[in-house]
N, C-alpha and C. Protein backbone atom coordinates (compact mmCIF):
# COMPACT_ATOMS: atom_id res chain seq x y z
N UNK A 1 0.85 -1.17 0.00
CA UNK A 1 0.00 0.00 0.00
C UNK A 1 0.89 1.23 0.00
N UNK A 2 0.36 2.32 -0.48
CA UNK A 2 1.12 3.56 -0.58
C UNK A 2 0.26 4.71 -0.08
N UNK A 3 0.95 5.77 0.34
CA UNK A 3 0.16 6.96 0.65
C UNK A 3 -0.20 7.64 -0.66
N UNK A 4 -1.02 8.66 -0.59
CA UNK A 4 -1.56 9.28 -1.80
C UNK A 4 -0.45 9.83 -2.71
N UNK A 5 0.64 10.31 -2.13
CA UNK A 5 1.72 10.88 -2.93
C UNK A 5 2.44 9.87 -3.80
N UNK A 6 2.38 8.60 -3.43
CA UNK A 6 3.07 7.56 -4.19
C UNK A 6 2.21 6.94 -5.27
N UNK A 7 0.96 7.34 -5.37
CA UNK A 7 0.04 6.77 -6.35
C UNK A 7 0.13 7.45 -7.70
N UNK A 8 1.32 7.76 -8.13
CA UNK A 8 1.49 8.46 -9.40
C UNK A 8 1.68 7.46 -10.54
N UNK A 9 1.50 7.94 -11.76
CA UNK A 9 1.61 7.08 -12.95
C UNK A 9 3.00 6.44 -13.05
N UNK A 10 4.04 7.18 -12.68
CA UNK A 10 5.40 6.62 -12.76
C UNK A 10 5.55 5.40 -11.86
N UNK A 11 5.01 5.46 -10.66
CA UNK A 11 5.12 4.33 -9.73
C UNK A 11 4.23 3.16 -10.16
N UNK A 12 3.09 3.45 -10.74
CA UNK A 12 2.23 2.38 -11.27
C UNK A 12 2.95 1.68 -12.42
N UNK A 13 3.61 2.46 -13.27
CA UNK A 13 4.40 1.91 -14.38
C UNK A 13 5.52 1.00 -13.83
N UNK A 14 6.22 1.48 -12.81
CA UNK A 14 7.31 0.69 -12.22
C UNK A 14 6.80 -0.64 -11.67
N UNK A 15 5.65 -0.60 -11.00
CA UNK A 15 5.11 -1.82 -10.40
C UNK A 15 4.54 -2.77 -11.45
N UNK A 16 3.69 -2.25 -12.33
CA UNK A 16 2.96 -3.14 -13.23
C UNK A 16 3.73 -3.49 -14.50
N UNK A 17 4.44 -2.55 -15.09
CA UNK A 17 5.12 -2.78 -16.37
C UNK A 17 6.55 -3.28 -16.16
N UNK A 18 7.31 -2.55 -15.35
CA UNK A 18 8.72 -2.90 -15.17
C UNK A 18 8.90 -4.12 -14.27
N UNK A 19 8.18 -4.18 -13.16
CA UNK A 19 8.37 -5.27 -12.20
C UNK A 19 7.37 -6.41 -12.38
N UNK A 20 6.38 -6.24 -13.26
CA UNK A 20 5.32 -7.25 -13.46
C UNK A 20 4.72 -7.65 -12.11
N UNK A 21 4.43 -6.66 -11.32
CA UNK A 21 3.91 -6.86 -9.98
C UNK A 21 2.57 -6.13 -9.86
N UNK A 22 1.99 -6.17 -8.70
CA UNK A 22 0.72 -5.51 -8.47
C UNK A 22 0.86 -4.35 -7.52
N UNK A 23 -0.25 -3.70 -7.25
CA UNK A 23 -0.27 -2.56 -6.35
C UNK A 23 -1.70 -2.38 -5.85
N UNK A 24 -1.81 -1.73 -4.71
CA UNK A 24 -3.11 -1.38 -4.13
C UNK A 24 -3.02 0.07 -3.70
N UNK A 25 -4.01 0.87 -4.08
CA UNK A 25 -4.06 2.23 -3.58
C UNK A 25 -5.50 2.69 -3.54
N UNK A 26 -5.71 3.78 -2.84
CA UNK A 26 -7.07 4.31 -2.72
C UNK A 26 -7.08 5.77 -3.15
N UNK A 27 -8.25 6.21 -3.53
CA UNK A 27 -8.45 7.63 -3.81
C UNK A 27 -9.90 7.96 -3.56
N UNK A 28 -10.14 9.20 -3.28
CA UNK A 28 -11.49 9.65 -2.98
C UNK A 28 -12.28 9.87 -4.27
N UNK A 29 -13.54 9.53 -4.24
CA UNK A 29 -14.40 9.81 -5.39
C UNK A 29 -14.84 11.28 -5.38
N UNK A 30 -14.52 11.98 -4.31
CA UNK A 30 -14.85 13.40 -4.22
C UNK A 30 -13.80 14.26 -4.91
N UNK A 31 -12.65 13.68 -5.22
CA UNK A 31 -11.56 14.45 -5.81
C UNK A 31 -11.81 14.83 -7.25
N UNK A 32 -10.98 15.71 -7.75
CA UNK A 32 -11.11 16.19 -9.12
C UNK A 32 -10.31 15.34 -10.10
N UNK A 33 -9.64 14.31 -9.63
CA UNK A 33 -8.75 13.54 -10.49
C UNK A 33 -9.42 12.33 -11.14
N UNK A 34 -10.71 12.17 -10.98
CA UNK A 34 -11.39 11.04 -11.61
C UNK A 34 -11.59 11.30 -13.10
N UNK A 35 -11.35 10.27 -13.89
CA UNK A 35 -11.58 10.38 -15.33
C UNK A 35 -13.07 10.33 -15.62
N UNK A 36 -13.45 10.71 -16.83
CA UNK A 36 -14.86 10.63 -17.22
C UNK A 36 -15.36 9.19 -17.18
N UNK A 37 -14.48 8.25 -17.55
CA UNK A 37 -14.83 6.82 -17.51
C UNK A 37 -15.16 6.39 -16.08
N UNK A 38 -14.34 6.84 -15.11
CA UNK A 38 -14.58 6.49 -13.71
C UNK A 38 -15.88 7.13 -13.20
N UNK A 39 -16.09 8.39 -13.52
CA UNK A 39 -17.31 9.08 -13.08
C UNK A 39 -18.55 8.38 -13.64
N UNK A 40 -18.51 8.02 -14.91
CA UNK A 40 -19.66 7.35 -15.54
C UNK A 40 -19.95 6.03 -14.84
N UNK A 41 -18.92 5.25 -14.55
CA UNK A 41 -19.10 3.96 -13.89
C UNK A 41 -19.69 4.14 -12.49
N UNK A 42 -19.20 5.11 -11.75
CA UNK A 42 -19.72 5.35 -10.40
C UNK A 42 -21.19 5.73 -10.40
N UNK A 43 -21.61 6.50 -11.41
CA UNK A 43 -22.96 7.04 -11.42
C UNK A 43 -23.97 6.18 -12.15
N UNK A 44 -23.52 5.12 -12.82
CA UNK A 44 -24.45 4.26 -13.55
C UNK A 44 -25.45 3.61 -12.61
N UNK A 45 -26.65 3.44 -13.09
CA UNK A 45 -27.65 2.69 -12.33
C UNK A 45 -27.30 1.21 -12.36
N UNK A 46 -27.88 0.47 -11.45
CA UNK A 46 -27.62 -0.97 -11.41
C UNK A 46 -28.08 -1.64 -12.69
N UNK A 47 -27.26 -2.48 -13.22
CA UNK A 47 -27.61 -3.37 -14.31
C UNK A 47 -26.79 -4.64 -14.11
N UNK A 48 -26.80 -5.53 -15.05
CA UNK A 48 -26.11 -6.80 -14.88
C UNK A 48 -24.61 -6.66 -14.66
N UNK A 49 -24.02 -5.55 -15.14
CA UNK A 49 -22.57 -5.37 -15.02
C UNK A 49 -22.20 -4.32 -13.99
N UNK A 50 -23.14 -3.77 -13.31
CA UNK A 50 -22.88 -2.64 -12.42
C UNK A 50 -23.68 -2.77 -11.12
N UNK A 51 -23.53 -3.89 -10.46
CA UNK A 51 -24.34 -4.16 -9.28
C UNK A 51 -23.62 -3.80 -7.98
N UNK A 52 -24.36 -3.21 -7.08
CA UNK A 52 -23.86 -2.97 -5.72
C UNK A 52 -24.16 -4.22 -4.89
N UNK A 53 -23.23 -4.59 -4.06
CA UNK A 53 -23.40 -5.69 -3.11
C UNK A 53 -23.48 -5.09 -1.72
N UNK A 54 -24.54 -5.41 -0.98
CA UNK A 54 -24.69 -4.91 0.38
C UNK A 54 -24.09 -5.90 1.37
N UNK A 55 -23.37 -5.36 2.34
CA UNK A 55 -22.84 -6.15 3.45
C UNK A 55 -23.69 -5.79 4.66
N UNK A 56 -24.33 -6.81 5.26
CA UNK A 56 -25.31 -6.59 6.32
C UNK A 56 -24.77 -7.03 7.68
N UNK A 57 -25.27 -6.37 8.73
CA UNK A 57 -24.96 -6.83 10.08
C UNK A 57 -25.95 -7.93 10.46
N UNK A 58 -25.88 -8.41 11.69
CA UNK A 58 -26.75 -9.52 12.09
C UNK A 58 -28.22 -9.12 12.22
N UNK A 59 -28.51 -7.82 12.16
CA UNK A 59 -29.90 -7.34 12.17
C UNK A 59 -30.37 -7.00 10.76
N UNK A 60 -29.57 -7.38 9.76
CA UNK A 60 -29.86 -7.18 8.34
C UNK A 60 -29.86 -5.70 7.94
N UNK A 61 -29.13 -4.89 8.71
CA UNK A 61 -28.94 -3.48 8.39
C UNK A 61 -27.67 -3.36 7.54
N UNK A 62 -27.72 -2.51 6.52
CA UNK A 62 -26.56 -2.34 5.64
C UNK A 62 -25.43 -1.65 6.39
N UNK A 63 -24.28 -2.33 6.46
CA UNK A 63 -23.08 -1.75 7.05
C UNK A 63 -22.38 -0.91 5.98
N UNK A 64 -22.20 -1.51 4.81
CA UNK A 64 -21.64 -0.80 3.66
C UNK A 64 -22.01 -1.56 2.39
N UNK A 65 -21.83 -0.90 1.25
CA UNK A 65 -22.09 -1.49 -0.05
C UNK A 65 -20.83 -1.32 -0.89
N UNK A 66 -20.65 -2.23 -1.86
CA UNK A 66 -19.50 -2.10 -2.75
C UNK A 66 -19.86 -2.63 -4.14
N UNK A 67 -19.08 -2.19 -5.10
CA UNK A 67 -19.14 -2.75 -6.44
C UNK A 67 -17.73 -2.67 -7.02
N UNK A 68 -17.50 -3.45 -8.07
CA UNK A 68 -16.16 -3.45 -8.66
C UNK A 68 -16.25 -3.68 -10.15
N UNK A 69 -15.17 -3.33 -10.82
CA UNK A 69 -15.03 -3.62 -12.24
C UNK A 69 -13.57 -3.99 -12.50
N UNK A 70 -13.36 -4.73 -13.55
CA UNK A 70 -12.02 -5.05 -14.03
C UNK A 70 -11.94 -4.52 -15.45
N UNK A 71 -10.97 -3.63 -15.70
CA UNK A 71 -10.87 -2.98 -16.99
C UNK A 71 -9.44 -2.50 -17.19
N UNK A 72 -9.15 -2.01 -18.40
CA UNK A 72 -7.85 -1.40 -18.67
C UNK A 72 -7.96 0.10 -18.47
N UNK A 73 -6.96 0.68 -17.82
CA UNK A 73 -6.93 2.11 -17.58
C UNK A 73 -5.62 2.66 -18.12
N UNK A 74 -5.69 3.85 -18.69
CA UNK A 74 -4.52 4.48 -19.31
C UNK A 74 -3.90 5.49 -18.37
N UNK A 75 -2.58 5.52 -18.38
CA UNK A 75 -1.80 6.47 -17.59
C UNK A 75 -0.74 7.09 -18.48
N UNK A 76 -0.21 8.23 -18.04
CA UNK A 76 0.92 8.82 -18.73
C UNK A 76 1.74 9.63 -17.74
N UNK A 77 3.03 9.76 -18.04
CA UNK A 77 3.95 10.55 -17.23
C UNK A 77 5.14 10.92 -18.10
N UNK A 78 5.93 11.87 -17.63
CA UNK A 78 7.16 12.25 -18.31
C UNK A 78 8.32 11.59 -17.60
N UNK A 79 9.17 10.89 -18.38
CA UNK A 79 10.33 10.22 -17.78
C UNK A 79 11.42 11.25 -17.47
N UNK A 80 12.56 10.76 -16.98
CA UNK A 80 13.65 11.66 -16.57
C UNK A 80 14.19 12.51 -17.72
N UNK A 81 14.04 12.02 -18.95
CA UNK A 81 14.50 12.78 -20.12
C UNK A 81 13.42 13.72 -20.66
N UNK A 82 12.25 13.74 -20.03
CA UNK A 82 11.17 14.61 -20.47
C UNK A 82 10.25 13.99 -21.51
N UNK A 83 10.51 12.74 -21.88
CA UNK A 83 9.67 12.06 -22.88
C UNK A 83 8.39 11.57 -22.21
N UNK A 84 7.25 11.80 -22.90
CA UNK A 84 5.97 11.33 -22.37
C UNK A 84 5.83 9.83 -22.59
N UNK A 85 5.55 9.12 -21.54
CA UNK A 85 5.33 7.67 -21.58
C UNK A 85 3.85 7.43 -21.33
N UNK A 86 3.17 6.76 -22.27
CA UNK A 86 1.78 6.37 -22.10
C UNK A 86 1.72 4.86 -22.01
N UNK A 87 0.86 4.37 -21.13
CA UNK A 87 0.70 2.92 -21.00
C UNK A 87 -0.69 2.61 -20.46
N UNK A 88 -1.12 1.39 -20.70
CA UNK A 88 -2.37 0.88 -20.16
C UNK A 88 -2.05 -0.30 -19.26
N UNK A 89 -2.85 -0.45 -18.23
CA UNK A 89 -2.70 -1.58 -17.35
C UNK A 89 -4.08 -2.03 -16.88
N UNK A 90 -4.21 -3.32 -16.69
CA UNK A 90 -5.47 -3.90 -16.23
C UNK A 90 -5.56 -3.71 -14.72
N UNK A 91 -6.71 -3.21 -14.27
CA UNK A 91 -6.92 -2.97 -12.85
C UNK A 91 -8.27 -3.48 -12.41
N UNK A 92 -8.34 -3.85 -11.16
CA UNK A 92 -9.62 -4.12 -10.52
C UNK A 92 -9.90 -2.90 -9.66
N UNK A 93 -10.99 -2.21 -9.96
CA UNK A 93 -11.40 -1.03 -9.21
C UNK A 93 -12.56 -1.40 -8.31
N UNK A 94 -12.48 -1.01 -7.06
CA UNK A 94 -13.52 -1.29 -6.08
C UNK A 94 -13.96 0.05 -5.48
N UNK A 95 -15.25 0.25 -5.39
CA UNK A 95 -15.79 1.45 -4.74
C UNK A 95 -16.71 1.00 -3.62
N UNK A 96 -16.64 1.70 -2.49
CA UNK A 96 -17.49 1.36 -1.35
C UNK A 96 -18.35 2.56 -0.98
N UNK A 97 -19.48 2.27 -0.37
CA UNK A 97 -20.37 3.30 0.14
C UNK A 97 -20.77 2.92 1.55
N UNK A 98 -20.55 3.84 2.50
CA UNK A 98 -20.87 3.61 3.90
C UNK A 98 -22.01 4.56 4.28
N UNK A 99 -23.23 4.05 4.49
CA UNK A 99 -24.38 4.92 4.78
C UNK A 99 -24.19 5.76 6.05
N UNK A 100 -23.60 5.20 7.10
CA UNK A 100 -23.45 5.97 8.34
C UNK A 100 -22.43 7.09 8.15
N UNK A 101 -21.38 6.85 7.38
CA UNK A 101 -20.42 7.91 7.08
C UNK A 101 -21.06 8.99 6.21
N UNK A 102 -21.88 8.58 5.27
CA UNK A 102 -22.58 9.55 4.41
C UNK A 102 -23.49 10.45 5.24
N UNK A 103 -24.16 9.88 6.24
CA UNK A 103 -25.03 10.69 7.10
C UNK A 103 -24.20 11.71 7.91
N UNK A 104 -23.04 11.31 8.37
CA UNK A 104 -22.17 12.22 9.14
C UNK A 104 -21.66 13.36 8.28
N UNK A 105 -21.38 13.06 7.01
CA UNK A 105 -20.83 14.10 6.13
C UNK A 105 -21.92 15.00 5.65
């Protein structure tokens, strides 16, 4: 896991392309850095490919909900020589919704 400052395209490239390894990071859906593709997926209504799964407590009250997708996402960065590097990598994206946190906010 990394803090937000390490979640840059260069580090994703190093992990996924150069090292053939994986990575886990988080970001807020409230931020301005979401792509149009990400925003569309978050806002889509439920259908066969876009279902929310509810996690319930023992009283059948929703603790939180989540959904995920697996897709290719594009990144770009400038290397040390100033050349723009573009690449795509397959990612599993997971989004969660916590009703009690939403009420507090």
